[in-house]
Protein backbone atom coordinates (compact mmCIF):
# COMPACT_ATOMS: atom_id res chain seq x y z
CA MET A 1 -41.47 11.53 1.11
CA LYS A 2 -42.76 12.31 4.59
CA LYS A 3 -39.19 12.62 5.81
CA LYS A 4 -38.47 15.20 3.09
CA ILE A 5 -41.55 17.26 4.00
CA ILE A 6 -40.69 17.18 7.70
CA LEU A 7 -37.11 18.19 6.93
CA MET A 8 -38.10 21.10 4.67
CA SER A 9 -40.61 22.34 7.23
CA LEU A 10 -38.02 22.16 9.98
CA ALA A 11 -35.51 24.07 7.86
CA ALA A 12 -38.03 26.79 7.07
CA THR A 13 -39.00 27.03 10.74
CA MET A 14 -35.36 27.47 11.68
CA MET A 15 -34.56 30.08 9.05
CA LEU A 16 -37.60 32.39 9.20
CA PRO A 17 -36.95 33.71 12.70
CA MET A 18 -33.29 34.18 11.82
CA VAL A 19 -34.09 36.22 8.72
CA ALA A 20 -36.67 38.25 10.65
CA GLN A 21 -34.02 39.15 13.20
CA ALA A 22 -31.42 40.07 10.57
CA LYS A 23 -32.06 43.80 10.95
CA GLU A 24 -31.46 43.76 14.68
CA LYS A 25 -28.19 45.00 16.09
CA ASN A 26 -25.23 42.62 15.73
CA THR A 27 -26.96 40.40 13.17
CA SER A 28 -26.39 40.13 9.43
CA THR A 29 -27.58 38.00 6.53
CA PHE A 30 -25.31 36.48 3.90
CA VAL A 31 -25.42 34.87 0.49
CA GLU A 32 -22.52 32.87 -0.92
CA ILE A 33 -21.53 30.61 -3.79
CA GLN A 34 -19.19 27.67 -3.22
CA PRO A 35 -17.63 25.54 -5.99
CA ILE A 36 -16.57 22.15 -4.57
CA VAL A 37 -13.81 20.05 -6.16
CA GLY A 38 -12.64 16.54 -5.27
CA ASP A 39 -14.62 13.44 -4.36
CA CYS A 40 -17.68 15.72 -4.46
CA ASP A 41 -17.71 17.85 -7.64
CA ALA A 42 -20.62 20.21 -7.12
CA LEU A 43 -21.82 23.81 -6.93
CA ASN A 44 -23.27 25.02 -3.61
CA VAL A 45 -25.28 28.20 -2.95
CA ASN A 46 -25.98 29.16 0.69
CA PHE A 47 -28.14 31.70 2.51
CA GLY A 48 -27.96 32.40 6.22
CA VAL A 49 -27.72 34.66 9.24
CA MET A 50 -24.81 35.43 11.58
CA TYR A 51 -24.90 36.90 15.11
CA LYS A 52 -21.83 38.87 16.22
CA ALA A 53 -21.15 37.95 19.86
CA ASN A 54 -18.22 40.36 20.11
CA LYS A 55 -15.68 42.00 17.79
CA ASN A 56 -13.92 38.68 17.14
CA LEU A 57 -16.54 35.90 17.37
CA SER A 58 -19.72 35.27 15.37
CA PHE A 59 -22.22 32.41 15.34
CA GLY A 60 -25.05 31.53 13.00
CA GLY A 61 -26.33 29.12 10.43
CA GLY A 62 -27.98 28.72 7.08
CA ILE A 63 -29.55 26.60 4.40
CA GLY A 64 -28.53 26.03 0.80
CA LEU A 65 -28.71 24.04 -2.39
CA LEU A 66 -25.95 21.70 -3.61
CA GLU A 67 -25.99 20.17 -7.10
CA PRO A 68 -23.34 18.21 -9.08
CA TYR A 69 -21.96 20.06 -12.11
CA LYS A 70 -23.46 17.50 -14.48
CA PHE A 71 -26.97 18.11 -13.02
CA ASN A 72 -27.62 14.38 -13.31
CA VAL A 73 -28.97 13.64 -9.81
CA ALA A 74 -31.43 15.20 -7.39
CA PRO A 75 -30.03 18.17 -5.42
CA THR A 76 -28.94 18.07 -1.80
CA ILE A 77 -30.15 20.63 0.74
CA PRO A 78 -27.42 21.48 3.28
CA ILE A 79 -28.59 22.79 6.67
CA PHE A 80 -25.71 23.97 8.83
CA VAL A 81 -24.47 25.95 11.82
CA ARG A 82 -21.37 28.14 11.63
CA ALA A 83 -18.82 29.51 14.08
CA GLN A 84 -16.39 32.19 12.91
CA ALA A 85 -13.41 34.01 14.43
CA GLU A 86 -11.92 37.11 12.81
CA THR A 87 -9.63 40.02 13.52
CA ALA A 88 -9.67 43.36 11.71
CA LEU A 89 -6.43 44.60 10.19
CA GLU A 90 -5.85 47.66 8.03
CA GLY A 91 -8.12 47.28 5.00
CA VAL A 92 -8.71 43.52 5.41
CA THR A 93 -10.17 41.09 7.96
CA PRO A 94 -8.73 37.54 8.03
CA PHE A 95 -11.07 34.86 9.41
CA ILE A 96 -11.37 31.19 10.20
CA SER A 97 -14.76 29.47 10.22
CA PHE A 98 -16.22 26.04 10.85
CA ASP A 99 -19.49 24.72 9.42
CA ALA A 100 -21.19 21.53 10.57
CA GLY A 101 -24.51 20.29 9.30
CA PHE A 102 -26.72 17.83 7.54
CA GLY A 103 -27.01 17.38 3.76
CA ALA A 104 -30.51 16.15 2.92
CA ASN A 105 -30.54 14.23 -0.36
CA THR A 106 -33.88 15.02 -2.02
CA GLY A 107 -33.70 12.01 -4.33
CA ASN A 108 -32.78 9.36 -1.78
CA PHE A 109 -32.96 10.38 1.87
CA ASP A 110 -30.86 7.36 2.86
CA ALA A 111 -28.00 8.86 0.81
CA SER A 112 -27.89 11.98 3.01
CA THR A 113 -24.64 13.07 4.65
CA ILE A 114 -23.13 14.75 7.68
CA MET A 115 -21.02 17.68 6.44
CA ILE A 116 -18.03 19.43 8.00
CA ASN A 117 -16.29 22.45 6.49
CA PRO A 118 -13.38 24.26 8.19
CA MET A 119 -12.19 27.29 6.19
CA VAL A 120 -9.71 30.17 6.16
CA GLY A 121 -10.35 33.39 4.28
CA VAL A 122 -10.40 37.17 4.18
CA LYS A 123 -13.10 39.85 4.25
CA PHE A 124 -12.95 43.14 2.37
CA GLY A 125 -15.79 45.18 3.79
CA SER A 126 -18.96 43.25 3.00
CA VAL A 127 -17.32 40.81 0.55
CA TYR A 128 -15.41 37.72 1.66
CA ALA A 129 -13.59 34.82 0.05
CA GLY A 130 -12.04 31.66 1.40
CA ILE A 131 -10.77 28.13 0.80
CA GLY A 132 -11.52 25.11 2.97
CA TYR A 133 -11.85 21.37 3.42
CA HIS A 134 -15.28 19.92 2.62
CA GLY A 135 -15.99 16.52 4.15
CA ALA A 136 -19.22 14.53 3.59
CA ILE A 137 -19.85 11.48 5.79
CA PRO A 138 -22.75 9.21 4.70
CA THR A 139 -25.43 8.65 7.32
CA LYS A 140 -25.64 5.05 6.12
CA GLY A 141 -22.53 3.23 5.02
CA SER A 142 -18.87 4.02 5.58
CA GLY A 143 -16.12 6.25 4.26
CA ILE A 144 -15.93 10.00 3.69
CA ALA A 145 -15.93 12.18 0.57
CA ASN A 146 -12.93 14.51 0.77
CA SER A 147 -13.04 17.72 -1.26
CA VAL A 148 -11.85 21.33 -1.38
CA ASN A 149 -14.34 24.19 -1.55
CA PHE A 150 -13.95 27.84 -2.52
CA ARG A 151 -16.28 30.45 -1.06
CA LEU A 152 -17.27 33.87 -2.38
CA GLY A 153 -19.91 35.67 -0.34
CA TYR A 154 -21.55 38.96 0.48
CA GLN A 155 -22.69 40.03 3.94
CA PHE A 156 -25.70 42.31 4.29
CA ASN A 157 -25.10 43.99 7.64
CA ASN A 158 -28.50 45.69 7.73
CA GLY A 159 -30.57 42.94 6.16
CA ILE A 160 -31.21 42.38 2.47
CA ASP A 161 -32.84 45.35 0.77
CA ASN A 162 -32.85 46.81 -2.73
CA SER A 163 -30.30 49.51 -1.95
CA ALA A 164 -27.81 46.96 -0.59
CA VAL A 165 -28.20 44.75 -3.65
CA LYS A 166 -27.84 47.71 -6.04
CA ASN A 167 -24.76 48.93 -4.18
CA PHE A 168 -23.16 45.48 -4.47
CA LEU A 169 -23.97 45.06 -8.17
CA SER A 170 -22.69 48.56 -9.01
CA LYS A 171 -19.22 47.46 -7.91
CA THR A 172 -19.12 44.28 -9.99
CA TYR A 173 -18.00 43.60 -13.55
CA PHE A 174 -17.32 40.63 -15.82
CA THR A 175 -14.07 39.63 -17.52
CA ALA A 176 -14.27 37.31 -20.56
CA GLU A 177 -11.02 35.74 -21.78
CA ILE A 178 -9.81 33.40 -24.50
CA GLY A 179 -6.30 32.07 -24.88
CA GLY A 180 -3.90 29.23 -25.30
CA GLY A 181 -0.85 27.76 -23.64
CA ILE A 182 2.36 25.87 -24.28
CA GLY A 183 3.06 22.84 -22.14
CA LEU A 184 6.28 22.88 -20.13
CA THR A 185 6.11 19.30 -18.80
CA SER A 186 7.62 16.26 -20.53
CA ILE A 187 6.96 12.53 -20.11
CA ARG A 188 7.85 9.39 -22.06
CA LYS A 189 5.40 8.37 -24.77
CA ASP A 190 5.09 4.85 -23.40
CA GLU A 191 4.07 6.34 -20.02
CA TYR A 192 1.30 8.36 -21.68
CA ASP A 193 -0.15 5.41 -23.63
CA PRO A 194 1.09 2.02 -22.37
CA GLY A 195 -0.76 0.17 -25.13
CA GLN A 196 1.16 1.57 -28.12
CA GLY A 197 4.56 -0.02 -27.46
CA PHE A 198 6.50 3.24 -27.89
CA ASN A 199 10.14 3.59 -27.15
CA GLU A 200 11.19 6.07 -24.46
CA GLU A 201 11.07 9.21 -26.60
CA LYS A 202 9.81 12.27 -24.71
CA MET A 203 6.55 14.10 -25.47
CA THR A 204 5.14 17.36 -24.10
CA ILE A 205 1.89 17.63 -22.15
CA GLY A 206 0.10 20.78 -21.01
CA ASN A 207 -0.59 22.41 -24.42
CA ASN A 208 -4.06 23.93 -24.18
CA ILE A 209 -6.71 26.33 -25.43
CA SER A 210 -9.15 27.99 -23.04
CA ALA A 211 -12.18 30.23 -22.63
CA GLN A 212 -13.38 31.60 -19.31
CA ILE A 213 -15.49 34.26 -17.65
CA SER A 214 -14.95 35.86 -14.23
CA TRP A 215 -17.39 37.85 -12.10
CA MET A 216 -15.35 40.43 -10.21
CA TYR A 217 -16.06 42.75 -7.27
CA LYS A 218 -14.17 46.05 -7.13
CA PHE A 219 -13.18 47.02 -3.59
CA ASN A 220 -11.40 50.20 -4.72
CA PRO A 221 -9.70 51.48 -7.92
CA ASN A 222 -6.85 49.00 -7.47
CA TRP A 223 -8.08 45.86 -5.70
CA SER A 224 -10.71 43.43 -7.00
CA ALA A 225 -11.61 39.78 -6.47
CA GLY A 226 -14.13 37.36 -7.86
CA ILE A 227 -15.08 33.90 -9.01
CA GLY A 228 -14.89 32.33 -12.46
CA ILE A 229 -15.70 29.34 -14.65
CA GLY A 230 -14.54 28.22 -18.09
CA LEU A 231 -13.51 25.41 -20.39
CA ASN A 232 -9.91 24.21 -20.76
CA THR A 233 -9.02 21.80 -23.57
CA TYR A 234 -5.63 20.14 -23.22
CA VAL A 235 -4.27 18.95 -26.56
CA CYS A 236 -1.92 15.94 -26.46
CA LYS A 237 -0.30 15.01 -29.79
CA TYR A 238 1.97 11.99 -30.21
CA SER A 239 3.25 9.68 -32.97
CA ASP A 240 4.63 6.13 -33.15
CA GLU A 241 6.79 6.79 -36.22
CA GLU A 242 9.94 6.22 -34.16
CA ASP A 243 8.91 2.62 -33.43
CA PRO A 244 9.41 0.46 -36.58
CA SER A 245 8.10 -2.66 -34.82
CA ASN A 246 4.65 -1.13 -34.44
CA PRO A 247 2.18 -2.07 -37.24
CA TYR A 248 0.69 1.44 -37.03
CA ASP A 249 4.06 3.05 -37.70
CA GLY A 250 3.73 6.64 -38.91
CA THR A 251 0.32 7.28 -37.32
CA ASP A 252 -0.26 10.55 -35.47
CA TYR A 253 -2.59 10.60 -32.48
CA VAL A 254 -4.31 13.65 -30.96
CA ASP A 255 -6.19 13.54 -27.65
CA TRP A 256 -8.49 16.38 -26.57
CA ALA A 257 -8.89 16.32 -22.77
CA ASN A 258 -11.60 18.73 -21.61
CA SER A 259 -11.85 20.18 -18.09
CA ILE A 260 -13.97 22.85 -16.42
CA PRO A 261 -11.97 25.28 -14.25
CA LEU A 262 -13.71 26.83 -11.22
CA TYR A 263 -11.59 29.40 -9.43
CA LEU A 264 -11.24 32.41 -7.18
CA ARG A 265 -9.33 35.37 -8.63
CA GLY A 266 -7.54 38.17 -6.84
CA GLN A 267 -6.28 41.15 -8.84
CA TYR A 268 -4.30 44.31 -8.20
CA THR A 269 -4.34 46.96 -10.96
CA PHE A 270 -1.73 49.70 -10.91
CA LYS A 271 -2.51 53.39 -11.55
CA GLU A 272 -5.93 54.98 -11.22
CA ASP A 273 -9.23 54.54 -13.08
CA GLY A 274 -9.29 56.33 -16.42
CA GLU A 275 -5.63 55.78 -17.35
CA LYS A 276 -5.27 54.41 -20.88
CA VAL A 277 -2.67 51.80 -19.91
CA ARG A 278 -2.84 50.03 -16.53
CA PRO A 279 -0.55 47.08 -15.70
CA TYR A 280 -1.94 44.47 -13.30
CA ILE A 281 -1.07 41.27 -11.48
CA ALA A 282 -3.60 38.54 -10.76
CA CYS A 283 -3.79 35.01 -9.43
CA ASP A 284 -6.37 32.24 -10.01
CA LEU A 285 -6.79 29.49 -7.43
CA GLY A 286 -9.36 26.76 -7.90
CA GLY A 287 -10.08 23.31 -9.20
CA LEU A 288 -10.37 21.49 -12.53
CA ILE A 289 -13.36 19.22 -13.11
CA ARG A 290 -12.54 16.56 -15.70
CA LEU A 291 -15.23 16.01 -18.31
CA SER A 292 -15.85 12.48 -19.54
CA GLY A 293 -13.95 11.47 -22.65
CA ASP A 294 -12.01 8.60 -24.23
CA VAL A 295 -8.51 9.97 -23.67
CA ASN A 296 -5.35 8.57 -22.08
CA CYS A 297 -4.60 11.58 -19.92
CA SER A 298 -6.72 13.71 -17.59
CA PHE A 299 -6.03 17.11 -16.07
CA ASN A 300 -7.79 17.72 -12.78
CA ASN A 301 -7.79 18.72 -9.11
CA LEU A 302 -6.26 22.02 -7.96
CA ILE A 303 -5.20 24.68 -10.45
CA PHE A 304 -2.96 27.63 -9.61
CA GLU A 305 -2.17 30.41 -12.10
CA PRO A 306 -0.34 33.67 -11.26
CA GLN A 307 -0.51 36.23 -14.11
CA VAL A 308 0.89 39.58 -15.19
CA GLY A 309 -0.96 41.71 -17.71
CA VAL A 310 -1.97 45.09 -19.07
CA LYS A 311 -5.41 46.72 -19.35
CA PHE A 312 -6.13 49.23 -22.11
CA ASN A 313 -8.81 51.90 -21.53
CA ASP A 314 -10.04 49.83 -18.56
CA LYS A 315 -11.70 47.49 -21.06
CA TYR A 316 -9.28 45.38 -23.10
CA ARG A 317 -6.60 43.22 -21.55
CA VAL A 318 -3.74 40.87 -22.38
CA ALA A 319 -2.02 38.63 -19.83
CA LEU A 320 0.72 36.06 -19.52
CA GLY A 321 0.40 33.39 -16.84
CA VAL A 322 2.00 30.19 -15.59
CA ALA A 323 -0.60 27.54 -14.68
CA THR A 324 -0.07 24.32 -12.76
CA CYS A 325 -2.50 21.43 -12.26
CA ASN A 326 -2.41 17.66 -11.81
CA GLY A 327 -2.10 15.26 -14.74
CA ASP A 328 -2.34 11.48 -14.81
CA SER A 329 -2.73 8.71 -17.36
CA TYR A 330 -4.72 5.51 -17.26
CA ASP A 331 -5.65 2.98 -19.94
CA SER A 332 -8.46 0.48 -19.25
CA ASP A 333 -6.56 -2.32 -20.99
CA TYR A 334 -2.98 -1.61 -19.92
CA GLY A 335 -3.35 0.11 -16.57
CA LYS A 336 -1.50 3.09 -15.17
CA GLY A 337 0.62 5.10 -17.59
CA PHE A 338 2.37 7.59 -15.31
CA GLU A 339 1.92 8.60 -11.72
CA THR A 340 0.02 11.79 -10.94
CA LYS A 341 2.35 14.71 -11.44
CA THR A 342 2.33 18.48 -11.67
CA VAL A 343 1.72 19.75 -15.21
CA THR A 344 2.85 23.30 -16.03
CA SER A 345 1.76 25.55 -18.92
CA LEU A 346 2.75 29.03 -20.11
CA ASN A 347 -0.52 30.73 -21.10
CA LEU A 348 -1.37 33.83 -23.13
CA LYS A 349 -4.86 35.33 -22.69
CA LEU A 350 -6.83 38.11 -24.38
CA GLY A 351 -9.74 39.58 -22.47
CA LEU A 352 -12.59 42.07 -22.33
CA ASP A 353 -14.08 43.75 -19.24
CA PHE A 354 -17.77 44.67 -19.30
């Protein structure tokens, strides 16, 4: 407990002078949200300060809160330093950054980690987004937790004040979507469920229904980007009626494999605000978190979904997308069903902007 108190005090001591200096020239504060997918499935929120050494290099640090999606363990407090290089192009600023720090586990200090996080991304004015490698090395023990993290942040160049917050929020909106998809990937039934004794007849995987919500930031009338979360349910239906030797001949099986998608979305909308019909293109890039369940197949890891769609009255939307993710099968009694492979779906979505 004493270690925790000392650590929190040290973190506060480090951050207060940085925040106090945030309104000085060449300094800025930032707030960012980071979904993490992989060996470490968690949501991370960070706050910090950056100092701009010159037009290309910045240095700083921050403190945050990291919690697994299931909220079943005590949170971790990451304390980190950051170096960032960037170059301004017309309308966009690409960057590379590197974070290194210490993740203090508030439930068990001995389970704390050393964290490293290289990242590439782009800035649009005060908003930035990126994708990187998130590594967590235990301070006691061996090994490393390898994950991918997605970052969406906002930089307050003149410190955090009410006008800056209001200006940011005035340019944001939400998109809620529901939809479904048809699987385009086939495997053998006996690969999906080794315990049923199927013959080699093919079955389709990737059929799904989904619901999701995205928080978007509007850079101008055409470009926007944001972060989203949802629930994807992959529906796998199969039957053993083709196998007369099986005592359960004629039985249909349906597996419902649930996953939580966390993603970054980029979107370009054609025409100007106020037009009744506005076509758009978009792309989601993120990760799928598998929820626990007694199913033979799981859908997880990275998800990539380019889309084309149409907005009506800048409020209603319909889109068609092609999504890819990883799928694999494992049965506790019979072992591996099929090796991890790319699963593709053709998805139709209906949405509402508000």
